[in-house]
């Protein structure tokens, strides 16, 4: 099961009012390494168990496809409070080795 982003619409709208569309696109949407965050018209946002969304103004929303998220945390660090990690708890262990 994909981990879901939690969202807070009042904080997202407040963040957007302060920072604007240019910063949202340049520092959140385009910096997502897997392009899982999209800016869409609210009426066009997908629905489903793997989708999180949050309205940033009266007509636009961010759509997050959680199944493609690699949890780099950049969007959460930039939009602290408006976006947050899910409530599920797990751990990822990355192990590697090199043999010559």
PDB file of N, CA and C in Angstrom:
ATOM      1  N   UNK A   1       0.842  -1.190   0.000  1.00  0.00           N
ATOM      2  CA  UNK A   1       0.000   0.000   0.000  1.00  0.00           C
ATOM      3  C   UNK A   1       0.880   1.243   0.000  1.00  0.00           C
ATOM      4  N   UNK A   2       0.546   2.193  -0.832  1.00  0.00           N
ATOM      5  CA  UNK A   2       1.322   3.427  -0.917  1.00  0.00           C
ATOM      6  C   UNK A   2       1.052   4.321   0.285  1.00  0.00           C
ATOM      7  N   UNK A   3       2.090   4.951   0.756  1.00  0.00           N
ATOM      8  CA  UNK A   3       1.920   5.900   1.850  1.00  0.00           C
ATOM      9  C   UNK A   3       1.253   7.156   1.300  1.00  0.00           C
ATOM     10  N   UNK A   4       0.308   7.652   2.034  1.00  0.00           N
ATOM     11  CA  UNK A   4      -0.457   8.816   1.607  1.00  0.00           C
ATOM     12  C   UNK A   4       0.127  10.099   2.197  1.00  0.00           C
ATOM     13  N   UNK A   5       0.203  11.132   1.374  1.00  0.00           N
ATOM     14  CA  UNK A   5       0.516  12.458   1.887  1.00  0.00           C
ATOM     15  C   UNK A   5      -0.720  12.971   2.625  1.00  0.00           C
ATOM     16  N   UNK A   6      -0.517  13.591   3.762  1.00  0.00           N
ATOM     17  CA  UNK A   6      -1.613  14.286   4.425  1.00  0.00           C
ATOM     18  C   UNK A   6      -1.564  15.728   3.948  1.00  0.00           C
ATOM     19  N   UNK A   7      -2.722  16.346   3.868  1.00  0.00           N
ATOM     20  CA  UNK A   7      -2.794  17.722   3.382  1.00  0.00           C
ATOM     21  C   UNK A   7      -3.635  18.570   4.334  1.00  0.00           C
ATOM     22  N   UNK A   8      -3.347  19.854   4.332  1.00  0.00           N
ATOM     23  CA  UNK A   8      -4.096  20.811   5.141  1.00  0.00           C
ATOM     24  C   UNK A   8      -4.441  21.986   4.230  1.00  0.00           C
ATOM     25  N   UNK A   9      -5.705  22.051   3.823  1.00  0.00           N
ATOM     26  CA  UNK A   9      -6.107  23.066   2.851  1.00  0.00           C
ATOM     27  C   UNK A   9      -5.924  24.502   3.346  1.00  0.00           C
ATOM     28  N   UNK A  10      -6.320  24.857   4.572  1.00  0.00           N
ATOM     29  CA  UNK A  10      -6.097  26.244   5.012  1.00  0.00           C
ATOM     30  C   UNK A  10      -4.614  26.632   4.973  1.00  0.00           C
ATOM     31  N   UNK A  11      -3.729  25.726   5.374  1.00  0.00           N
ATOM     32  CA  UNK A  11      -2.298  26.039   5.323  1.00  0.00           C
ATOM     33  C   UNK A  11      -1.782  26.097   3.890  1.00  0.00           C
ATOM     34  N   UNK A  12      -2.316  25.254   3.010  1.00  0.00           N
ATOM     35  CA  UNK A  12      -1.914  25.291   1.604  1.00  0.00           C
ATOM     36  C   UNK A  12      -2.338  26.600   0.957  1.00  0.00           C
ATOM     37  N   UNK A  13      -3.540  27.049   1.247  1.00  0.00           N
ATOM     38  CA  UNK A  13      -4.005  28.324   0.696  1.00  0.00           C
ATOM     39  C   UNK A  13      -3.181  29.488   1.250  1.00  0.00           C
ATOM     40  N   UNK A  14      -2.852  29.431   2.529  1.00  0.00           N
ATOM     41  CA  UNK A  14      -2.032  30.469   3.150  1.00  0.00           C
ATOM     42  C   UNK A  14      -0.633  30.486   2.522  1.00  0.00           C
ATOM     43  N   UNK A  15      -0.038  29.303   2.333  1.00  0.00           N
ATOM     44  CA  UNK A  15       1.281  29.212   1.700  1.00  0.00           C
ATOM     45  C   UNK A  15       1.230  29.801   0.302  1.00  0.00           C
ATOM     46  N   UNK A  16       0.204  29.428  -0.477  1.00  0.00           N
ATOM     47  CA  UNK A  16       0.078  29.914  -1.848  1.00  0.00           C
ATOM     48  C   UNK A  16      -0.115  31.425  -1.891  1.00  0.00           C
ATOM     49  N   UNK A  17      -0.908  31.970  -0.982  1.00  0.00           N
ATOM     50  CA  UNK A  17      -1.130  33.417  -0.948  1.00  0.00           C
ATOM     51  C   UNK A  17       0.176  34.162  -0.670  1.00  0.00           C
ATOM     52  N   UNK A  18       1.025  33.588   0.141  1.00  0.00           N
ATOM     53  CA  UNK A  18       2.305  34.225   0.479  1.00  0.00           C
ATOM     54  C   UNK A  18       3.349  34.052  -0.615  1.00  0.00           C
ATOM     55  N   UNK A  19       3.426  32.875  -1.227  1.00  0.00           N
ATOM     56  CA  UNK A  19       4.517  32.557  -2.152  1.00  0.00           C
ATOM     57  C   UNK A  19       4.156  32.654  -3.627  1.00  0.00           C
ATOM     58  N   UNK A  20       2.922  32.401  -3.977  1.00  0.00           N
ATOM     59  CA  UNK A  20       2.469  32.557  -5.350  1.00  0.00           C
ATOM     60  C   UNK A  20       2.716  31.381  -6.274  1.00  0.00           C
ATOM     61  N   UNK A  21       2.187  31.512  -7.479  1.00  0.00           N
ATOM     62  CA  UNK A  21       2.226  30.452  -8.481  1.00  0.00           C
ATOM     63  C   UNK A  21       3.646  30.160  -8.959  1.00  0.00           C
ATOM     64  N   UNK A  22       4.434  31.184  -9.181  1.00  0.00           N
ATOM     65  CA  UNK A  22       5.789  30.971  -9.692  1.00  0.00           C
ATOM     66  C   UNK A  22       6.609  30.121  -8.736  1.00  0.00           C
ATOM     67  N   UNK A  23       6.583  30.436  -7.451  1.00  0.00           N
ATOM     68  CA  UNK A  23       7.350  29.652  -6.483  1.00  0.00           C
ATOM     69  C   UNK A  23       6.780  28.252  -6.344  1.00  0.00           C
ATOM     70  N   UNK A  24       5.461  28.112  -6.400  1.00  0.00           N
ATOM     71  CA  UNK A  24       4.853  26.788  -6.318  1.00  0.00           C
ATOM     72  C   UNK A  24       5.341  25.902  -7.460  1.00  0.00           C
ATOM     73  N   UNK A  25       5.298  26.427  -8.660  1.00  0.00           N
ATOM     74  CA  UNK A  25       5.724  25.642  -9.822  1.00  0.00           C
ATOM     75  C   UNK A  25       7.234  25.402  -9.796  1.00  0.00           C
ATOM     76  N   UNK A  26       8.014  26.457  -9.563  1.00  0.00           N
ATOM     77  CA  UNK A  26       9.470  26.327  -9.628  1.00  0.00           C
ATOM     78  C   UNK A  26      10.075  25.553  -8.468  1.00  0.00           C
ATOM     79  N   UNK A  27       9.489  25.639  -7.284  1.00  0.00           N
ATOM     80  CA  UNK A  27      10.130  25.036  -6.118  1.00  0.00           C
ATOM     81  C   UNK A  27       9.427  23.791  -5.593  1.00  0.00           C
ATOM     82  N   UNK A  28       8.237  23.505  -6.076  1.00  0.00           N
ATOM     83  CA  UNK A  28       7.535  22.306  -5.599  1.00  0.00           C
ATOM     84  C   UNK A  28       7.269  21.358  -6.764  1.00  0.00           C
ATOM     85  N   UNK A  29       6.500  21.786  -7.731  1.00  0.00           N
ATOM     86  CA  UNK A  29       6.067  20.907  -8.818  1.00  0.00           C
ATOM     87  C   UNK A  29       7.247  20.422  -9.660  1.00  0.00           C
ATOM     88  N   UNK A  30       8.085  21.333 -10.145  1.00  0.00           N
ATOM     89  CA  UNK A  30       9.163  20.922 -11.047  1.00  0.00           C
ATOM     90  C   UNK A  30      10.318  20.233 -10.329  1.00  0.00           C
ATOM     91  N   UNK A  31      10.422  20.384  -9.024  1.00  0.00           N
ATOM     92  CA  UNK A  31      11.513  19.733  -8.291  1.00  0.00           C
ATOM     93  C   UNK A  31      11.162  18.336  -7.800  1.00  0.00           C
ATOM     94  N   UNK A  32       9.973  17.882  -8.066  1.00  0.00           N
ATOM     95  CA  UNK A  32       9.592  16.520  -7.694  1.00  0.00           C
ATOM     96  C   UNK A  32      10.340  15.561  -8.627  1.00  0.00           C
ATOM     97  N   UNK A  33      11.200  14.685  -8.084  1.00  0.00           N
ATOM     98  CA  UNK A  33      12.030  13.847  -8.947  1.00  0.00           C
ATOM     99  C   UNK A  33      11.250  12.845  -9.799  1.00  0.00           C
ATOM    100  N   UNK A  34      10.077  12.444  -9.372  1.00  0.00           N
ATOM    101  CA  UNK A  34       9.286  11.488 -10.146  1.00  0.00           C
ATOM    102  C   UNK A  34       8.076  12.138 -10.809  1.00  0.00           C
ATOM    103  N   UNK A  35       7.999  13.456 -10.746  1.00  0.00           N
ATOM    104  CA  UNK A  35       6.892  14.215 -11.363  1.00  0.00           C
ATOM    105  C   UNK A  35       5.535  13.725 -10.881  1.00  0.00           C
ATOM    106  N   UNK A  36       5.460  13.381  -9.610  1.00  0.00           N
ATOM    107  CA  UNK A  36       4.219  12.871  -9.041  1.00  0.00           C
ATOM    108  C   UNK A  36       3.269  13.984  -8.611  1.00  0.00           C
ATOM    109  N   UNK A  37       3.777  15.224  -8.511  1.00  0.00           N
ATOM    110  CA  UNK A  37       2.952  16.371  -8.113  1.00  0.00           C
ATOM    111  C   UNK A  37       2.583  17.158  -9.358  1.00  0.00           C
ATOM    112  N   UNK A  38       1.302  17.394  -9.522  1.00  0.00           N
ATOM    113  CA  UNK A  38       0.833  18.168 -10.665  1.00  0.00           C
ATOM    114  C   UNK A  38      -0.097  19.276 -10.192  1.00  0.00           C
ATOM    115  N   UNK A  39      -0.026  20.402 -10.846  1.00  0.00           N
ATOM    116  CA  UNK A  39      -0.942  21.508 -10.603  1.00  0.00           C
ATOM    117  C   UNK A  39      -2.078  21.359 -11.603  1.00  0.00           C
ATOM    118  N   UNK A  40      -3.302  21.267 -11.105  1.00  0.00           N
ATOM    119  CA  UNK A  40      -4.461  21.054 -11.975  1.00  0.00           C
ATOM    120  C   UNK A  40      -5.615  21.946 -11.566  1.00  0.00           C
ATOM    121  N   UNK A  41      -6.534  22.101 -12.483  1.00  0.00           N
ATOM    122  CA  UNK A  41      -7.804  22.709 -12.142  1.00  0.00           C
ATOM    123  C   UNK A  41      -8.478  21.760 -11.150  1.00  0.00           C
ATOM    124  N   UNK A  42      -9.082  22.292 -10.122  1.00  0.00           N
ATOM    125  CA  UNK A  42      -9.668  21.467  -9.074  1.00  0.00           C
ATOM    126  C   UNK A  42     -10.663  20.454  -9.639  1.00  0.00           C
ATOM    127  N   UNK A  43     -11.426  20.847 -10.619  1.00  0.00           N
ATOM    128  CA  UNK A  43     -12.426  19.948 -11.208  1.00  0.00           C
ATOM    129  C   UNK A  43     -11.791  18.766 -11.942  1.00  0.00           C
ATOM    130  N   UNK A  44     -10.501  18.874 -12.306  1.00  0.00           N
ATOM    131  CA  UNK A  44      -9.821  17.823 -13.066  1.00  0.00           C
ATOM    132  C   UNK A  44      -8.949  16.907 -12.213  1.00  0.00           C
ATOM    133  N   UNK A  45      -8.919  17.131 -10.913  1.00  0.00           N
ATOM    134  CA  UNK A  45      -8.080  16.309 -10.037  1.00  0.00           C
ATOM    135  C   UNK A  45      -8.629  14.891  -9.981  1.00  0.00           C
ATOM    136  N   UNK A  46      -7.723  13.926 -10.139  1.00  0.00           N
ATOM    137  CA  UNK A  46      -8.105  12.509 -10.099  1.00  0.00           C
ATOM    138  C   UNK A  46      -8.532  12.119  -8.691  1.00  0.00           C
ATOM    139  N   UNK A  47      -9.325  11.097  -8.600  1.00  0.00           N
ATOM    140  CA  UNK A  47      -9.767  10.538  -7.321  1.00  0.00           C
ATOM    141  C   UNK A  47      -9.258   9.106  -7.235  1.00  0.00           C
ATOM    142  N   UNK A  48      -9.045   8.634  -6.039  1.00  0.00           N
ATOM    143  CA  UNK A  48      -8.642   7.247  -5.875  1.00  0.00           C
ATOM    144  C   UNK A  48      -7.832   7.046  -4.621  1.00  0.00           C
ATOM    145  N   UNK A  49      -7.594   5.799  -4.262  1.00  0.00           N
ATOM    146  CA  UNK A  49      -6.898   5.494  -3.017  1.00  0.00           C
ATOM    147  C   UNK A  49      -5.431   5.906  -3.011  1.00  0.00           C
ATOM    148  N   UNK A  50      -4.830   6.089  -4.178  1.00  0.00           N
ATOM    149  CA  UNK A  50      -3.417   6.453  -4.256  1.00  0.00           C
ATOM    150  C   UNK A  50      -3.203   7.946  -4.512  1.00  0.00           C
ATOM    151  N   UNK A  51      -4.277   8.711  -4.536  1.00  0.00           N
ATOM    152  CA  UNK A  51      -4.199  10.137  -4.859  1.00  0.00           C
ATOM    153  C   UNK A  51      -4.471  10.983  -3.623  1.00  0.00           C
ATOM    154  N   UNK A  52      -3.595  11.957  -3.384  1.00  0.00           N
ATOM    155  CA  UNK A  52      -3.849  12.998  -2.387  1.00  0.00           C
ATOM    156  C   UNK A  52      -3.988  14.302  -3.152  1.00  0.00           C
ATOM    157  N   UNK A  53      -4.817  15.192  -2.664  1.00  0.00           N
ATOM    158  CA  UNK A  53      -4.946  16.494  -3.322  1.00  0.00           C
ATOM    159  C   UNK A  53      -5.237  17.555  -2.271  1.00  0.00           C
ATOM    160  N   UNK A  54      -4.883  18.788  -2.636  1.00  0.00           N
ATOM    161  CA  UNK A  54      -5.159  19.914  -1.754  1.00  0.00           C
ATOM    162  C   UNK A  54      -5.393  21.153  -2.618  1.00  0.00           C
ATOM    163  N   UNK A  55      -6.460  21.878  -2.308  1.00  0.00           N
ATOM    164  CA  UNK A  55      -6.766  23.115  -3.025  1.00  0.00           C
ATOM    165  C   UNK A  55      -5.829  24.216  -2.555  1.00  0.00           C
ATOM    166  N   UNK A  56      -5.292  24.972  -3.517  1.00  0.00           N
ATOM    167  CA  UNK A  56      -4.414  26.096  -3.164  1.00  0.00           C
ATOM    168  C   UNK A  56      -5.115  27.435  -3.353  1.00  0.00           C
ATOM    169  N   UNK A  57      -6.181  27.420  -4.129  1.00  0.00           N
ATOM    170  CA  UNK A  57      -7.040  28.602  -4.286  1.00  0.00           C
ATOM    171  C   UNK A  57      -8.414  28.098  -4.724  1.00  0.00           C
ATOM    172  N   UNK A  58      -9.266  28.990  -5.169  1.00  0.00           N
ATOM    173  CA  UNK A  58     -10.635  28.590  -5.489  1.00  0.00           C
ATOM    174  C   UNK A  58     -10.751  27.722  -6.737  1.00  0.00           C
ATOM    175  N   UNK A  59      -9.731  27.724  -7.610  1.00  0.00           N
ATOM    176  CA  UNK A  59      -9.845  26.982  -8.861  1.00  0.00           C
ATOM    177  C   UNK A  59      -8.743  25.956  -9.096  1.00  0.00           C
ATOM    178  N   UNK A  60      -7.645  26.027  -8.363  1.00  0.00           N
ATOM    179  CA  UNK A  60      -6.514  25.145  -8.617  1.00  0.00           C
ATOM    180  C   UNK A  60      -6.166  24.292  -7.404  1.00  0.00           C
ATOM    181  N   UNK A  61      -5.653  23.106  -7.695  1.00  0.00           N
ATOM    182  CA  UNK A  61      -5.255  22.166  -6.648  1.00  0.00           C
ATOM    183  C   UNK A  61      -3.970  21.466  -7.034  1.00  0.00           C
ATOM    184  N   UNK A  62      -3.277  20.956  -6.019  1.00  0.00           N
ATOM    185  CA  UNK A  62      -2.156  20.057  -6.256  1.00  0.00           C
ATOM    186  C   UNK A  62      -2.683  18.639  -6.197  1.00  0.00           C
ATOM    187  N   UNK A  63      -2.288  17.829  -7.160  1.00  0.00           N
ATOM    188  CA  UNK A  63      -2.623  16.416  -7.183  1.00  0.00           C
ATOM    189  C   UNK A  63      -1.334  15.641  -6.965  1.00  0.00           C
ATOM    190  N   UNK A  64      -1.332  14.720  -6.010  1.00  0.00           N
ATOM    191  CA  UNK A  64      -0.147  13.932  -5.686  1.00  0.00           C
ATOM    192  C   UNK A  64      -0.473  12.463  -5.885  1.00  0.00           C
ATOM    193  N   UNK A  65       0.238  11.823  -6.809  1.00  0.00           N
ATOM    194  CA  UNK A  65       0.074  10.395  -7.045  1.00  0.00           C
ATOM    195  C   UNK A  65       1.031   9.664  -6.106  1.00  0.00           C
ATOM    196  N   UNK A  66       0.529   9.240  -4.967  1.00  0.00           N
ATOM    197  CA  UNK A  66       1.363   8.630  -3.933  1.00  0.00           C
ATOM    198  C   UNK A  66       2.066   7.356  -4.384  1.00  0.00           C
ATOM    199  N   UNK A  67       1.526   6.672  -5.384  1.00  0.00           N
ATOM    200  CA  UNK A  67       2.156   5.434  -5.843  1.00  0.00           C
ATOM    201  C   UNK A  67       3.488   5.692  -6.538  1.00  0.00           C
ATOM    202  N   UNK A  68       3.705   6.908  -7.040  1.00  0.00           N
ATOM    203  CA  UNK A  68       4.966   7.254  -7.707  1.00  0.00           C
ATOM    204  C   UNK A  68       5.927   8.021  -6.810  1.00  0.00           C
ATOM    205  N   UNK A  69       5.506   8.375  -5.620  1.00  0.00           N
ATOM    206  CA  UNK A  69       6.331   9.176  -4.714  1.00  0.00           C
ATOM    207  C   UNK A  69       7.497   8.349  -4.171  1.00  0.00           C
ATOM    208  N   UNK A  70       8.704   8.916  -4.208  1.00  0.00           N
ATOM    209  CA  UNK A  70       9.884   8.235  -3.660  1.00  0.00           C
ATOM    210  C   UNK A  70      10.251   8.781  -2.279  1.00  0.00           C
ATOM    211  N   UNK A  71       9.387   9.611  -1.721  1.00  0.00           N
ATOM    212  CA  UNK A  71       9.537  10.155  -0.372  1.00  0.00           C
ATOM    213  C   UNK A  71      10.846  10.915  -0.170  1.00  0.00           C
ATOM    214  N   UNK A  72      11.166  11.760  -1.129  1.00  0.00           N
ATOM    215  CA  UNK A  72      12.364  12.583  -0.998  1.00  0.00           C
ATOM    216  C   UNK A  72      12.148  13.698   0.025  1.00  0.00           C
ATOM    217  N   UNK A  73      10.902  14.006   0.327  1.00  0.00           N
ATOM    218  CA  UNK A  73      10.492  14.971   1.357  1.00  0.00           C
ATOM    219  C   UNK A  73      10.644  16.438   0.945  1.00  0.00           C
ATOM    220  N   UNK A  74      11.057  16.723  -0.284  1.00  0.00           N
ATOM    221  CA  UNK A  74      11.248  18.117  -0.685  1.00  0.00           C
ATOM    222  C   UNK A  74       9.950  18.917  -0.588  1.00  0.00           C
ATOM    223  N   UNK A  75       8.866  18.400  -1.120  1.00  0.00           N
ATOM    224  CA  UNK A  75       7.599  19.144  -1.101  1.00  0.00           C
ATOM    225  C   UNK A  75       7.145  19.404   0.335  1.00  0.00           C
ATOM    226  N   UNK A  76       7.357  18.428   1.198  1.00  0.00           N
ATOM    227  CA  UNK A  76       6.966  18.579   2.601  1.00  0.00           C
ATOM    228  C   UNK A  76       7.824  19.622   3.297  1.00  0.00           C
ATOM    229  N   UNK A  77       9.117  19.658   2.967  1.00  0.00           N
ATOM    230  CA  UNK A  77      10.009  20.658   3.554  1.00  0.00           C
ATOM    231  C   UNK A  77       9.678  22.063   3.077  1.00  0.00           C
ATOM    232  N   UNK A  78       9.277  22.200   1.822  1.00  0.00           N
ATOM    233  CA  UNK A  78       8.941  23.522   1.280  1.00  0.00           C
ATOM    234  C   UNK A  78       7.572  23.987   1.772  1.00  0.00           C
ATOM    235  N   UNK A  79       6.600  23.107   1.765  1.00  0.00           N
ATOM    236  CA  UNK A  79       5.229  23.454   2.146  1.00  0.00           C
ATOM    237  C   UNK A  79       4.881  22.848   3.512  1.00  0.00           C
ATOM    238  N   UNK A  80       5.729  23.080   4.480  1.00  0.00           N
ATOM    239  CA  UNK A  80       5.556  22.508   5.811  1.00  0.00           C
ATOM    240  C   UNK A  80       4.172  22.826   6.369  1.00  0.00           C
ATOM    241  N   UNK A  81       3.496  21.803   6.819  1.00  0.00           N
ATOM    242  CA  UNK A  81       2.151  21.954   7.363  1.00  0.00           C
ATOM    243  C   UNK A  81       1.086  21.747   6.305  1.00  0.00           C
ATOM    244  N   UNK A  82       1.252  22.355   5.154  1.00  0.00           N
ATOM    245  CA  UNK A  82       0.288  22.167   4.069  1.00  0.00           C
ATOM    246  C   UNK A  82       0.363  20.740   3.540  1.00  0.00           C
ATOM    247  N   UNK A  83       1.586  20.204   3.475  1.00  0.00           N
ATOM    248  CA  UNK A  83       1.806  18.809   3.103  1.00  0.00           C
ATOM    249  C   UNK A  83       2.551  18.144   4.244  1.00  0.00           C
ATOM    250  N   UNK A  84       2.217  16.900   4.522  1.00  0.00           N
ATOM    251  CA  UNK A  84       2.876  16.160   5.599  1.00  0.00           C
ATOM    252  C   UNK A  84       2.920  14.687   5.241  1.00  0.00           C
ATOM    253  N   UNK A  85       3.782  13.961   5.923  1.00  0.00           N
ATOM    254  CA  UNK A  85       3.860  12.526   5.698  1.00  0.00           C
ATOM    255  C   UNK A  85       2.583  11.860   6.199  1.00  0.00           C
ATOM    256  N   UNK A  86       2.363  10.664   5.729  1.00  0.00           N
ATOM    257  CA  UNK A  86       1.193   9.916   6.153  1.00  0.00           C
ATOM    258  C   UNK A  86       1.309   9.440   7.585  1.00  0.00           C
ATOM    259  N   UNK A  87       0.227   8.888   8.091  1.00  0.00           N
ATOM    260  CA  UNK A  87       0.206   8.430   9.477  1.00  0.00           C
ATOM    261  C   UNK A  87       0.697   6.997   9.625  1.00  0.00           C
ATOM    262  N   UNK A  88       0.810   6.277   8.514  1.00  0.00           N
ATOM    263  CA  UNK A  88       1.324   4.912   8.612  1.00  0.00           C
ATOM    264  C   UNK A  88       2.809   4.948   8.951  1.00  0.00           C
ATOM    265  N   UNK A  89       3.283   3.934   9.603  1.00  0.00           N
ATOM    266  CA  UNK A  89       4.682   3.893  10.005  1.00  0.00           C
ATOM    267  C   UNK A  89       5.341   2.664   9.409  1.00  0.00           C
ATOM    268  N   UNK A  90       6.489   2.892   8.810  1.00  0.00           N
ATOM    269  CA  UNK A  90       7.269   1.794   8.262  1.00  0.00           C
ATOM    270  C   UNK A  90       8.708   2.269   8.147  1.00  0.00           C
ATOM    271  N   UNK A  91       9.548   1.392   7.728  1.00  0.00           N
ATOM    272  CA  UNK A  91      10.948   1.730   7.583  1.00  0.00           C
ATOM    273  C   UNK A  91      11.437   1.176   6.255  1.00  0.00           C
ATOM    274  N   UNK A  92      12.342   1.907   5.634  1.00  0.00           N
ATOM    275  CA  UNK A  92      12.975   1.451   4.414  1.00  0.00           C
ATOM    276  C   UNK A  92      14.442   1.239   4.715  1.00  0.00           C
ATOM    277  N   UNK A  93      14.946   0.074   4.391  1.00  0.00           N
ATOM    278  CA  UNK A  93      16.355  -0.239   4.628  1.00  0.00           C
ATOM    279  C   UNK A  93      17.019  -0.421   3.272  1.00  0.00           C
ATOM    280  N   UNK A  94      18.059   0.346   3.042  1.00  0.00           N
ATOM    281  CA  UNK A  94      18.801   0.253   1.796  1.00  0.00           C
ATOM    282  C   UNK A  94      20.174  -0.309   2.120  1.00  0.00           C
ATOM    283  N   UNK A  95      20.480  -1.437   1.538  1.00  0.00           N
ATOM    284  CA  UNK A  95      21.780  -2.060   1.772  1.00  0.00           C
ATOM    285  C   UNK A  95      22.461  -2.259   0.442  1.00  0.00           C
ATOM    286  N   UNK A  96      23.750  -2.061   0.432  1.00  0.00           N
ATOM    287  CA  UNK A  96      24.481  -2.245  -0.803  1.00  0.00           C
ATOM    288  C   UNK A  96      25.888  -2.704  -0.513  1.00  0.00           C
ATOM    289  N   UNK A  97      26.498  -3.253  -1.525  1.00  0.00           N
ATOM    290  CA  UNK A  97      27.870  -3.711  -1.384  1.00  0.00           C
ATOM    291  C   UNK A  97      28.530  -3.675  -2.744  1.00  0.00           C
ATOM    292  N   UNK A  98      29.801  -3.718  -2.701  1.00  0.00           N
ATOM    293  CA  UNK A  98      30.562  -3.713  -3.939  1.00  0.00           C
ATOM    294  C   UNK A  98      31.635  -4.784  -3.814  1.00  0.00           C
ATOM    295  N   UNK A  99      31.711  -5.639  -4.781  1.00  0.00           N
ATOM    296  CA  UNK A  99      32.739  -6.683  -4.782  1.00  0.00           C
ATOM    297  C   UNK A  99      33.601  -6.490  -6.026  1.00  0.00           C
ATOM    298  N   UNK A 100      34.872  -6.569  -5.819  1.00  0.00           N
ATOM    299  CA  UNK A 100      35.779  -6.395  -6.973  1.00  0.00           C
ATOM    300  C   UNK A 100      36.557  -7.637  -7.220  1.00  0.00           C
TER     301      UNK A 100
END
